[in-house]
Each structure stands twice: as structure tokens, then as C-alpha cells.
Amino acid sequence: MLQEFDLPARWTSLIQDYFSEAVHNLAQMWPDEQSLEISYRTIEGFDTEFANDIVKNPDLHFHAANQALRQFLIDAGSPTMYPFVRIKHLPSDQVRTVSQLRADDIGQMLALDSVVTKISGVRPRIYSAQFECMACNHAMVINQPNEQELIEPVECEQITGGCGRPKRQTRFALNHKESILINSQFIELQELPEQMKGGIQPERIICIGEHDLAGKLNPGDRVKANGVLFIRSQRKGGKDTPVFDIFLRIQSLERQNIPLEEISITEDEELEIKELARRPDI
């Protein structure tokens, strides 16, 4: 395993060597485009050990990659952008169906070939929260890794200029205006019909799509969803049980089909189609 403190530097080198122009284009296209898409094959060509570590420790890499990309944009004069790195084209041994998911897959980066069956509405979620200590007015920023709970300070940090009071001796107020919010959506994916054998019912999985991935999918879309599996305990009688449900936090999407309404044709192509339609032999 690579050392965590080395990851931002590795990602910075990768982005500088292979994606400088793409980052420049991202800054020009913002906010219509908010992510930098990187093929896993490119990462393998850059450093095989580095690529293998992404699959095994994806969350560490996502944080480092986004940090490196944001710093790249800050240095280029775009300090207000909060882009995401999206990794696509995972190797075939990381592709699964929903029914193939097992305990060993938890925490790894995987790809699911699937069809969208349900979507929720898109809702805002705090991605980075700013809290203010009511005792001394010191502001602190705490990253919020998931939608399940809001993580609050346990004390007013002296190292960043705070008073050092613990939570029981003061109150921390959430400053919504200075916090960073992103879009979040629940998406239900189902195994493809051609993946099923006999009369077996297709299995489904609840996924979370965030930032620019929220609102991108519709029921019926066929996608390859790349992301990280995580678990949450099933509750019974108000208590957690030792049995867990599996979820997928989507990191990138690859469309497997193009909806008809998205297909555009030129006038010449339209005339050609009409001429072909008049032919008796077709």
C-alpha cells in the first residue's frame, strides 16, 4: 500500500503530465462541466502500483485526487471551483453484477453493469461545513463524508486560533452561507435482463450519486456505475443487527445507451433517411 501522505503529490504529477489541457478546458466550461474524467487505463500507464492501490483504497485516492485538482485550479487563478475527479474504464476483473457482490468487495472500487429502475429527487447536502464557536466566534471547517449524519466539532480548535473549549462548555452554530453544499440523489440500479438465468429475479442495489452525477439518470437508462461499496446495519426493533445492507456510492458513470431524444441528425441525414424510406426494397 502506498503511503497516504504521498497520494496528493502523485495525483498532482498525473494531472500535470496528462491532463493540463483538460483542466484548463474544465475551468473554461465551469459550471456546465464540473468534473475531470480520467481513464483507469491512463493511470495504469502512469504507474501500475498506483492504479492497483486506487482499486483497494479508493476513498483515500478520491480525496487526494480532488485535493490535487482543486489546488491546480487555485494556482491557475480559479479559487472558487470545487471539481471532482471521475475515474472510468475499470479493469474487467472489477466488473460485477448486483448478485455477485460479496463481503470481500466492500470498500473496493467496482463497476456494475445495470439499468436504472428508480430515482429520488435531487436534494442539497453539506459537503464541507463551517461551524462557529459561540464562546469565541472562531470558525472551523469540517468535511462531511456522507449524508447519514452531520459531523460537529468536539472542541474549539486551539491550533487554528480557537479557545479550546470542549463541546459541553460551548455551542457550535452551523454557518450555512459559508458551508459548501452539493447535490445528492438516491438511485436504484437493477441487474440487466440478459444477465439473469432462468426465472431468477434480478437483484437491486440502492446507490448515491452526488455533485454533477445527481440528476443525470432516468429510469430505463443502461449504465456502468463505477463506485465504492459500503454497508449499513439493518435495524430491528430499534436496534442495529449484525446483518448489513450493501450500498454503492457512485464515483463515475458510463452510459451504455443513448436515449432517442438525445440523438441529433443533420438535414442531409434526414433527407437520406426519407429517401431510404421510399425505397421498395427496404
C-alpha atoms as a PDB file:
ATOM      1  CA  MET A   1       0.000   0.000   0.000  1.00  0.00           C
ATOM      2  CA  LEU A   2       1.223   3.471  -0.858  1.00  0.00           C
ATOM      3  CA  GLN A   3       1.636   5.981   1.958  1.00  0.00           C
ATOM      4  CA  GLU A   4      -1.380   8.268   2.332  1.00  0.00           C
ATOM      5  CA  PHE A   5       0.740  11.420   2.560  1.00  0.00           C
ATOM      6  CA  ASP A   6       2.281  10.607  -0.858  1.00  0.00           C
ATOM      7  CA  LEU A   7      -1.038  10.473  -2.704  1.00  0.00           C
ATOM      8  CA  PRO A   8      -1.683  14.207  -3.328  1.00  0.00           C
ATOM      9  CA  ALA A   9       1.781  14.582  -4.874  1.00  0.00           C
ATOM     10  CA  ARG A  10       1.236  11.514  -7.091  1.00  0.00           C
ATOM     11  CA  TRP A  11      -2.105  12.852  -8.275  1.00  0.00           C
ATOM     12  CA  THR A  12      -0.607  16.284  -8.901  1.00  0.00           C
ATOM     13  CA  SER A  13       2.077  14.713 -11.104  1.00  0.00           C
ATOM     14  CA  LEU A  14      -0.520  12.666 -13.010  1.00  0.00           C
ATOM     15  CA  ILE A  15      -2.739  15.689 -13.668  1.00  0.00           C
ATOM     16  CA  GLN A  16       0.194  17.876 -14.710  1.00  0.00           C
ATOM     17  CA  ASP A  17       1.658  15.241 -17.046  1.00  0.00           C
ATOM     18  CA  TYR A  18      -1.544  14.049 -18.734  1.00  0.00           C
ATOM     19  CA  PHE A  19      -4.434  16.440 -18.087  1.00  0.00           C
ATOM     20  CA  SER A  20      -3.180  20.051 -18.002  1.00  0.00           C
ATOM     21  CA  GLU A  21      -5.173  20.959 -21.107  1.00  0.00           C
ATOM     22  CA  ALA A  22      -8.261  19.128 -19.826  1.00  0.00           C
ATOM     23  CA  VAL A  23      -8.092  21.077 -16.542  1.00  0.00           C
ATOM     24  CA  HIS A  24      -7.789  24.332 -18.497  1.00  0.00           C
ATOM     25  CA  ASN A  25     -10.875  23.369 -20.524  1.00  0.00           C
ATOM     26  CA  LEU A  26     -12.717  22.471 -17.306  1.00  0.00           C
ATOM     27  CA  ALA A  27     -12.062  25.953 -15.931  1.00  0.00           C
ATOM     28  CA  GLN A  28     -13.384  27.483 -19.162  1.00  0.00           C
ATOM     29  CA  MET A  29     -16.513  25.283 -19.183  1.00  0.00           C
ATOM     30  CA  TRP A  30     -17.374  25.723 -15.477  1.00  0.00           C
ATOM     31  CA  PRO A  31     -20.113  25.343 -14.213  1.00  0.00           C
ATOM     32  CA  ASP A  32     -21.505  23.430 -17.217  1.00  0.00           C
ATOM     33  CA  GLU A  33     -18.713  20.900 -16.669  1.00  0.00           C
ATOM     34  CA  GLN A  34     -17.684  20.207 -13.072  1.00  0.00           C
ATOM     35  CA  SER A  35     -15.567  17.044 -13.234  1.00  0.00           C
ATOM     36  CA  LEU A  36     -12.350  15.816 -14.756  1.00  0.00           C
ATOM     37  CA  GLU A  37     -12.801  12.355 -16.264  1.00  0.00           C
ATOM     38  CA  ILE A  38      -9.726  10.105 -16.107  1.00  0.00           C
ATOM     39  CA  SER A  39      -9.464   6.639 -17.647  1.00  0.00           C
ATOM     40  CA  TYR A  40      -8.094   3.913 -15.404  1.00  0.00           C
ATOM     41  CA  ARG A  41      -6.010   2.769 -18.393  1.00  0.00           C
ATOM     42  CA  THR A  42      -4.195   6.119 -18.374  1.00  0.00           C
ATOM     43  CA  ILE A  43      -3.446   5.705 -14.668  1.00  0.00           C
ATOM     44  CA  GLU A  44      -2.075   2.201 -15.313  1.00  0.00           C
ATOM     45  CA  GLY A  45       0.251   3.651 -17.937  1.00  0.00           C
ATOM     46  CA  PHE A  46       1.386   6.267 -15.438  1.00  0.00           C
ATOM     47  CA  ASP A  47       2.068   3.857 -12.540  1.00  0.00           C
ATOM     48  CA  THR A  48       0.720   0.299 -12.219  1.00  0.00           C
ATOM     49  CA  GLU A  49       1.183   0.115  -8.437  1.00  0.00           C
ATOM     50  CA  PHE A  50      -0.611   3.458  -8.087  1.00  0.00           C
ATOM     51  CA  ALA A  51      -3.504   2.198 -10.238  1.00  0.00           C
ATOM     52  CA  ASN A  52      -3.848  -1.029  -8.241  1.00  0.00           C
ATOM     53  CA  ASP A  53      -3.935   0.956  -4.991  1.00  0.00           C
ATOM     54  CA  ILE A  54      -6.880   3.026  -6.265  1.00  0.00           C
ATOM     55  CA  VAL A  55      -8.999  -0.123  -6.521  1.00  0.00           C
ATOM     56  CA  LYS A  56      -8.049  -1.253  -2.999  1.00  0.00           C
ATOM     57  CA  ASN A  57      -8.166   2.134  -1.228  1.00  0.00           C
ATOM     58  CA  PRO A  58     -10.461   4.287  -3.359  1.00  0.00           C
ATOM     59  CA  ASP A  59     -11.661   6.763  -0.730  1.00  0.00           C
ATOM     60  CA  LEU A  60      -8.112   7.866   0.090  1.00  0.00           C
ATOM     61  CA  HIS A  61      -7.434   8.405  -3.606  1.00  0.00           C
ATOM     62  CA  PHE A  62     -10.669  10.287  -4.295  1.00  0.00           C
ATOM     63  CA  HIS A  63      -9.850  12.769  -1.540  1.00  0.00           C
ATOM     64  CA  ALA A  64      -6.247  13.179  -2.742  1.00  0.00           C
ATOM     65  CA  ALA A  65      -7.284  13.490  -6.405  1.00  0.00           C
ATOM     66  CA  ASN A  66      -9.922  16.142  -5.699  1.00  0.00           C
ATOM     67  CA  GLN A  67      -7.467  17.999  -3.470  1.00  0.00           C
ATOM     68  CA  ALA A  68      -4.805  17.970  -6.206  1.00  0.00           C
ATOM     69  CA  LEU A  69      -7.267  19.100  -8.883  1.00  0.00           C
ATOM     70  CA  ARG A  70      -8.594  21.930  -6.721  1.00  0.00           C
ATOM     71  CA  GLN A  71      -5.054  23.129  -5.936  1.00  0.00           C
ATOM     72  CA  PHE A  72      -4.245  23.008  -9.656  1.00  0.00           C
ATOM     73  CA  LEU A  73      -7.209  25.311 -10.353  1.00  0.00           C
ATOM     74  CA  ILE A  74      -6.334  27.619  -7.431  1.00  0.00           C
ATOM     75  CA  ASP A  75      -2.808  28.014  -8.843  1.00  0.00           C
ATOM     76  CA  ALA A  76      -4.365  28.757 -12.240  1.00  0.00           C
ATOM     77  CA  GLY A  77      -6.458  31.564 -10.758  1.00  0.00           C
ATOM     78  CA  SER A  78      -9.773  29.749 -10.170  1.00  0.00           C
ATOM     79  CA  PRO A  79     -10.093  29.539  -6.362  1.00  0.00           C
ATOM     80  CA  THR A  80     -13.903  29.241  -6.171  1.00  0.00           C
ATOM     81  CA  MET A  81     -14.263  25.958  -8.078  1.00  0.00           C
ATOM     82  CA  TYR A  82     -14.803  22.629  -6.308  1.00  0.00           C
ATOM     83  CA  PRO A  83     -14.394  20.000  -9.051  1.00  0.00           C
ATOM     84  CA  PHE A  84     -14.314  16.203  -8.752  1.00  0.00           C
ATOM     85  CA  VAL A  85     -12.056  13.652 -10.429  1.00  0.00           C
ATOM     86  CA  ARG A  86     -14.082  10.843 -12.054  1.00  0.00           C
ATOM     87  CA  ILE A  87     -12.301   7.532 -12.761  1.00  0.00           C
ATOM     88  CA  LYS A  88     -13.726   5.440 -15.602  1.00  0.00           C
ATOM     89  CA  HIS A  89     -12.929   2.276 -17.606  1.00  0.00           C
ATOM     90  CA  LEU A  90     -12.092  -0.002 -14.676  1.00  0.00           C
ATOM     91  CA  PRO A  91     -10.422  -3.352 -15.499  1.00  0.00           C
ATOM     92  CA  SER A  92     -12.707  -6.281 -16.317  1.00  0.00           C
ATOM     93  CA  ASP A  93     -11.892  -8.106 -13.060  1.00  0.00           C
ATOM     94  CA  GLN A  94     -13.556  -5.226 -11.157  1.00  0.00           C
ATOM     95  CA  VAL A  95     -16.866  -5.513 -13.041  1.00  0.00           C
ATOM     96  CA  ARG A  96     -19.736  -7.195 -11.166  1.00  0.00           C
ATOM     97  CA  THR A  97     -23.445  -7.829 -11.353  1.00  0.00           C
ATOM     98  CA  VAL A  98     -25.517  -6.965  -8.267  1.00  0.00           C
ATOM     99  CA  SER A  99     -25.981 -10.638  -7.353  1.00  0.00           C
ATOM    100  CA  GLN A 100     -22.212 -11.207  -7.486  1.00  0.00           C
ATOM    101  CA  LEU A 101     -21.446  -8.667  -4.738  1.00  0.00           C
ATOM    102  CA  ARG A 102     -19.840 -10.207  -1.658  1.00  0.00           C
ATOM    103  CA  ALA A 103     -18.304  -9.133   1.660  1.00  0.00           C
ATOM    104  CA  ASP A 104     -14.814  -9.043   0.104  1.00  0.00           C
ATOM    105  CA  ASP A 105     -15.985  -6.323  -2.296  1.00  0.00           C
ATOM    106  CA  ILE A 106     -16.859  -3.848   0.473  1.00  0.00           C
ATOM    107  CA  GLY A 107     -14.632  -0.790   0.398  1.00  0.00           C
ATOM    108  CA  GLN A 108     -13.243  -1.549  -3.064  1.00  0.00           C
ATOM    109  CA  MET A 109     -13.872   0.326  -6.301  1.00  0.00           C
ATOM    110  CA  LEU A 110     -16.113  -1.699  -8.599  1.00  0.00           C
ATOM    111  CA  ALA A 111     -18.177  -1.330 -11.746  1.00  0.00           C
ATOM    112  CA  LEU A 112     -21.791  -2.504 -12.058  1.00  0.00           C
ATOM    113  CA  ASP A 113     -23.438  -3.104 -15.441  1.00  0.00           C
ATOM    114  CA  SER A 114     -27.050  -2.246 -14.692  1.00  0.00           C
ATOM    115  CA  VAL A 115     -30.283  -0.488 -15.584  1.00  0.00           C
ATOM    116  CA  VAL A 116     -31.832   2.377 -13.608  1.00  0.00           C
ATOM    117  CA  THR A 117     -35.184   1.437 -12.058  1.00  0.00           C
ATOM    118  CA  LYS A 118     -35.901   4.319  -9.653  1.00  0.00           C
ATOM    119  CA  ILE A 119     -34.546   7.754  -8.816  1.00  0.00           C
ATOM    120  CA  SER A 120     -35.261  10.118  -5.945  1.00  0.00           C
ATOM    121  CA  GLY A 121     -35.456  13.870  -6.127  1.00  0.00           C
ATOM    122  CA  VAL A 122     -32.193  15.821  -6.051  1.00  0.00           C
ATOM    123  CA  ARG A 123     -31.514  17.346  -2.645  1.00  0.00           C
ATOM    124  CA  PRO A 124     -28.707  19.598  -1.319  1.00  0.00           C
ATOM    125  CA  ARG A 125     -26.183  18.047   1.073  1.00  0.00           C
ATOM    126  CA  ILE A 126     -23.449  19.757   3.053  1.00  0.00           C
ATOM    127  CA  TYR A 127     -20.073  18.649   1.693  1.00  0.00           C
ATOM    128  CA  SER A 128     -17.919  20.901   3.856  1.00  0.00           C
ATOM    129  CA  ALA A 129     -19.451  22.515   6.935  1.00  0.00           C
ATOM    130  CA  GLN A 130     -18.324  25.688   8.685  1.00  0.00           C
ATOM    131  CA  PHE A 131     -19.123  25.903  12.400  1.00  0.00           C
ATOM    132  CA  GLU A 132     -18.754  28.921  14.647  1.00  0.00           C
ATOM    133  CA  CYS A 133     -17.911  28.649  18.340  1.00  0.00           C
ATOM    134  CA  MET A 134     -20.465  30.680  20.289  1.00  0.00           C
ATOM    135  CA  ALA A 135     -17.939  31.346  23.076  1.00  0.00           C
ATOM    136  CA  CYS A 136     -15.212  32.985  20.977  1.00  0.00           C
ATOM    137  CA  ASN A 137     -16.675  33.267  17.431  1.00  0.00           C
ATOM    138  CA  HIS A 138     -13.875  31.131  15.999  1.00  0.00           C
ATOM    139  CA  ALA A 139     -14.799  29.419  12.698  1.00  0.00           C
ATOM    140  CA  MET A 140     -13.895  25.810  11.903  1.00  0.00           C
ATOM    141  CA  VAL A 141     -14.395  23.764   8.732  1.00  0.00           C
ATOM    142  CA  ILE A 142     -15.243  20.060   8.968  1.00  0.00           C
ATOM    143  CA  ASN A 143     -15.601  17.807   5.924  1.00  0.00           C
ATOM    144  CA  GLN A 144     -18.848  15.821   5.778  1.00  0.00           C
ATOM    145  CA  PRO A 145     -18.145  12.420   4.162  1.00  0.00           C
ATOM    146  CA  ASN A 146     -21.727  11.125   3.918  1.00  0.00           C
ATOM    147  CA  GLU A 147     -25.411  12.024   4.006  1.00  0.00           C
ATOM    148  CA  GLN A 148     -26.167   9.916   7.102  1.00  0.00           C
ATOM    149  CA  GLU A 149     -25.048  12.352   9.804  1.00  0.00           C
ATOM    150  CA  LEU A 150     -23.777  15.870  10.318  1.00  0.00           C
ATOM    151  CA  ILE A 151     -20.354  15.727  11.979  1.00  0.00           C
ATOM    152  CA  GLU A 152     -19.921  18.533  14.516  1.00  0.00           C
ATOM    153  CA  PRO A 153     -16.768  19.774  16.291  1.00  0.00           C
ATOM    154  CA  VAL A 154     -15.871  18.092  19.595  1.00  0.00           C
ATOM    155  CA  GLU A 155     -13.951  21.162  20.726  1.00  0.00           C
ATOM    156  CA  CYS A 156     -12.983  24.644  19.570  1.00  0.00           C
ATOM    157  CA  GLU A 157      -9.581  24.042  17.965  1.00  0.00           C
ATOM    158  CA  GLN A 158      -6.782  25.954  19.661  1.00  0.00           C
ATOM    159  CA  ILE A 159      -4.337  25.007  16.910  1.00  0.00           C
ATOM    160  CA  THR A 160      -6.327  27.120  14.435  1.00  0.00           C
ATOM    161  CA  GLY A 161      -6.856  30.027  16.848  1.00  0.00           C
ATOM    162  CA  GLY A 162      -9.855  28.842  18.878  1.00  0.00           C
ATOM    163  CA  CYS A 163     -10.478  28.961  22.614  1.00  0.00           C
ATOM    164  CA  GLY A 164     -10.096  25.208  23.179  1.00  0.00           C
ATOM    165  CA  ARG A 165     -13.436  24.754  24.949  1.00  0.00           C
ATOM    166  CA  PRO A 166     -14.969  21.268  24.565  1.00  0.00           C
ATOM    167  CA  LYS A 167     -18.493  20.770  23.228  1.00  0.00           C
ATOM    168  CA  ARG A 168     -20.014  20.568  26.729  1.00  0.00           C
ATOM    169  CA  GLN A 169     -18.766  24.073  27.556  1.00  0.00           C
ATOM    170  CA  THR A 170     -19.845  25.890  24.402  1.00  0.00           C
ATOM    171  CA  ARG A 171     -22.160  25.606  21.413  1.00  0.00           C
ATOM    172  CA  PHE A 172     -21.235  25.332  17.743  1.00  0.00           C
ATOM    173  CA  ALA A 173     -23.507  27.018  15.202  1.00  0.00           C
ATOM    174  CA  LEU A 174     -23.589  25.833  11.584  1.00  0.00           C
ATOM    175  CA  ASN A 175     -22.927  28.656   9.109  1.00  0.00           C
ATOM    176  CA  HIS A 176     -24.881  27.608   6.010  1.00  0.00           C
ATOM    177  CA  LYS A 177     -23.689  30.557   3.920  1.00  0.00           C
ATOM    178  CA  GLU A 178     -20.015  29.671   4.330  1.00  0.00           C
ATOM    179  CA  SER A 179     -20.527  25.910   4.034  1.00  0.00           C
ATOM    180  CA  ILE A 180     -20.198  24.073   0.711  1.00  0.00           C
ATOM    181  CA  LEU A 181     -23.344  22.309  -0.477  1.00  0.00           C
ATOM    182  CA  ILE A 182     -23.550  19.750  -3.266  1.00  0.00           C
ATOM    183  CA  ASN A 183     -26.467  17.968  -4.917  1.00  0.00           C
ATOM    184  CA  SER A 184     -27.299  14.435  -3.798  1.00  0.00           C
ATOM    185  CA  GLN A 185     -29.675  11.771  -5.155  1.00  0.00           C
ATOM    186  CA  PHE A 186     -30.636   8.166  -4.403  1.00  0.00           C
ATOM    187  CA  ILE A 187     -30.617   5.874  -7.439  1.00  0.00           C
ATOM    188  CA  GLU A 188     -31.837   2.266  -7.619  1.00  0.00           C
ATOM    189  CA  LEU A 189     -29.972   0.014 -10.048  1.00  0.00           C
ATOM    190  CA  GLN A 190     -31.032  -3.441 -11.212  1.00  0.00           C
ATOM    191  CA  GLU A 191     -29.229  -6.247 -12.983  1.00  0.00           C
ATOM    192  CA  LEU A 192     -29.642  -6.341 -16.754  1.00  0.00           C
ATOM    193  CA  PRO A 193     -32.221  -8.857 -18.041  1.00  0.00           C
ATOM    194  CA  GLU A 194     -29.614 -10.639 -20.173  1.00  0.00           C
ATOM    195  CA  GLN A 195     -27.526 -11.262 -17.059  1.00  0.00           C
ATOM    196  CA  MET A 196     -30.252 -13.392 -15.468  1.00  0.00           C
ATOM    197  CA  LYS A 197     -30.508 -17.174 -15.703  1.00  0.00           C
ATOM    198  CA  GLY A 198     -33.841 -18.947 -15.990  1.00  0.00           C
ATOM    199  CA  GLY A 199     -36.606 -17.476 -13.847  1.00  0.00           C
ATOM    200  CA  ILE A 200     -34.318 -15.867 -11.238  1.00  0.00           C
ATOM    201  CA  GLN A 201     -35.488 -12.433 -10.163  1.00  0.00           C
ATOM    202  CA  PRO A 202     -32.973  -9.630 -10.806  1.00  0.00           C
ATOM    203  CA  GLU A 203     -31.377  -8.114  -7.716  1.00  0.00           C
ATOM    204  CA  ARG A 204     -31.259  -4.401  -6.994  1.00  0.00           C
ATOM    205  CA  ILE A 205     -28.984  -2.034  -5.103  1.00  0.00           C
ATOM    206  CA  ILE A 206     -29.507   1.483  -3.750  1.00  0.00           C
ATOM    207  CA  CYS A 207     -26.818   3.930  -4.889  1.00  0.00           C
ATOM    208  CA  ILE A 208     -25.936   7.519  -4.095  1.00  0.00           C
ATOM    209  CA  GLY A 209     -24.989   9.939  -6.861  1.00  0.00           C
ATOM    210  CA  GLU A 210     -23.654  13.348  -5.877  1.00  0.00           C
ATOM    211  CA  HIS A 211     -22.374  16.644  -7.244  1.00  0.00           C
ATOM    212  CA  ASP A 212     -22.694  16.657 -11.049  1.00  0.00           C
ATOM    213  CA  LEU A 213     -23.829  12.998 -11.093  1.00  0.00           C
ATOM    214  CA  ALA A 214     -27.135  13.897  -9.398  1.00  0.00           C
ATOM    215  CA  GLY A 215     -29.956  14.367 -11.869  1.00  0.00           C
ATOM    216  CA  LYS A 216     -28.076  12.728 -14.752  1.00  0.00           C
ATOM    217  CA  LEU A 217     -30.026   9.457 -14.917  1.00  0.00           C
ATOM    218  CA  ASN A 218     -33.593   8.441 -15.697  1.00  0.00           C
ATOM    219  CA  PRO A 219     -35.409   5.129 -15.157  1.00  0.00           C
ATOM    220  CA  GLY A 220     -34.605   2.793 -18.043  1.00  0.00           C
ATOM    221  CA  ASP A 221     -31.086   4.121 -18.633  1.00  0.00           C
ATOM    222  CA  ARG A 222     -28.430   1.426 -19.018  1.00  0.00           C
ATOM    223  CA  VAL A 223     -25.233   2.432 -17.280  1.00  0.00           C
ATOM    224  CA  LYS A 224     -21.958   1.159 -15.969  1.00  0.00           C
ATOM    225  CA  ALA A 225     -21.825   2.645 -12.471  1.00  0.00           C
ATOM    226  CA  ASN A 226     -18.300   2.889 -11.052  1.00  0.00           C
ATOM    227  CA  GLY A 227     -18.087   3.401  -7.316  1.00  0.00           C
ATOM    228  CA  VAL A 228     -17.355   2.126  -3.832  1.00  0.00           C
ATOM    229  CA  LEU A 229     -19.448  -0.370  -1.880  1.00  0.00           C
ATOM    230  CA  PHE A 230     -20.315   0.485   1.705  1.00  0.00           C
ATOM    231  CA  ILE A 231     -22.569  -1.112   4.316  1.00  0.00           C
ATOM    232  CA  ARG A 232     -25.125  -0.045   6.901  1.00  0.00           C
ATOM    233  CA  SER A 233     -26.560  -2.249   9.610  1.00  0.00           C
ATOM    234  CA  GLN A 234     -30.141  -3.414   9.282  1.00  0.00           C
ATOM    235  CA  ARG A 235     -32.266  -2.267  12.216  1.00  0.00           C
ATOM    236  CA  LYS A 236     -34.779  -4.448  14.032  1.00  0.00           C
ATOM    237  CA  GLY A 237     -36.829  -3.290  16.992  1.00  0.00           C
ATOM    238  CA  GLY A 238     -34.911  -0.009  17.042  1.00  0.00           C
ATOM    239  CA  LYS A 239     -31.540  -1.779  17.365  1.00  0.00           C
ATOM    240  CA  ASP A 240     -28.705  -2.481  14.939  1.00  0.00           C
ATOM    241  CA  THR A 241     -28.337  -6.113  13.844  1.00  0.00           C
ATOM    242  CA  PRO A 242     -25.198  -7.973  12.661  1.00  0.00           C
ATOM    243  CA  VAL A 243     -26.707  -8.184   9.160  1.00  0.00           C
ATOM    244  CA  PHE A 244     -25.851  -5.369   6.755  1.00  0.00           C
ATOM    245  CA  ASP A 245     -27.347  -3.854   3.632  1.00  0.00           C
ATOM    246  CA  ILE A 246     -24.964  -3.021   0.781  1.00  0.00           C
ATOM    247  CA  PHE A 247     -24.967   0.347  -0.991  1.00  0.00           C
ATOM    248  CA  LEU A 248     -22.909   1.861  -3.797  1.00  0.00           C
ATOM    249  CA  ARG A 249     -21.551   5.392  -3.684  1.00  0.00           C
ATOM    250  CA  ILE A 250     -21.238   6.226  -7.380  1.00  0.00           C
ATOM    251  CA  GLN A 251     -17.958   7.827  -8.410  1.00  0.00           C
ATOM    252  CA  SER A 252     -18.465   7.930 -12.185  1.00  0.00           C
ATOM    253  CA  LEU A 253     -20.939   6.835 -14.845  1.00  0.00           C
ATOM    254  CA  GLU A 254     -20.547   5.349 -18.300  1.00  0.00           C
ATOM    255  CA  ARG A 255     -23.640   5.419 -20.473  1.00  0.00           C
ATOM    256  CA  GLN A 256     -24.391   2.124 -22.198  1.00  0.00           C
ATOM    257  CA  ASN A 257     -27.069   3.563 -24.466  1.00  0.00           C
ATOM    258  CA  ILE A 258     -28.166   6.942 -25.784  1.00  0.00           C
ATOM    259  CA  PRO A 259     -31.823   7.887 -25.288  1.00  0.00           C
ATOM    260  CA  LEU A 260     -33.588   8.613 -28.569  1.00  0.00           C
ATOM    261  CA  GLU A 261     -34.316  12.212 -27.639  1.00  0.00           C
ATOM    262  CA  GLU A 262     -30.562  12.841 -27.306  1.00  0.00           C
ATOM    263  CA  ILE A 263     -29.772  11.697 -30.865  1.00  0.00           C
ATOM    264  CA  SER A 264     -29.393  14.649 -33.244  1.00  0.00           C
ATOM    265  CA  ILE A 265     -29.245  14.350 -37.029  1.00  0.00           C
ATOM    266  CA  THR A 266     -28.333  16.855 -39.725  1.00  0.00           C
ATOM    267  CA  GLU A 267     -30.681  17.994 -42.502  1.00  0.00           C
ATOM    268  CA  ASP A 268     -28.701  15.926 -45.027  1.00  0.00           C
ATOM    269  CA  GLU A 269     -29.077  12.825 -42.857  1.00  0.00           C
ATOM    270  CA  GLU A 270     -32.805  13.480 -42.535  1.00  0.00           C
ATOM    271  CA  LEU A 271     -33.179  13.707 -46.331  1.00  0.00           C
ATOM    272  CA  GLU A 272     -31.185  10.488 -46.754  1.00  0.00           C
ATOM    273  CA  ILE A 273     -33.430   8.678 -44.246  1.00  0.00           C
ATOM    274  CA  LYS A 274     -36.556   9.865 -46.068  1.00  0.00           C
ATOM    275  CA  GLU A 275     -35.151   8.722 -49.427  1.00  0.00           C
ATOM    276  CA  LEU A 276     -34.330   5.309 -47.983  1.00  0.00           C
ATOM    277  CA  ALA A 277     -37.830   5.071 -46.544  1.00  0.00           C
ATOM    278  CA  ARG A 278     -39.315   5.491 -50.041  1.00  0.00           C
ATOM    279  CA  ARG A 279     -37.306   2.596 -51.487  1.00  0.00           C
ATOM    280  CA  PRO A 280     -39.453  -0.506 -52.045  1.00  0.00           C
ATOM    281  CA  ASP A 281     -36.601  -2.911 -51.267  1.00  0.00           C
ATOM    282  CA  ILE A 282     -36.158  -1.684 -47.665  1.00  0.00           C
END
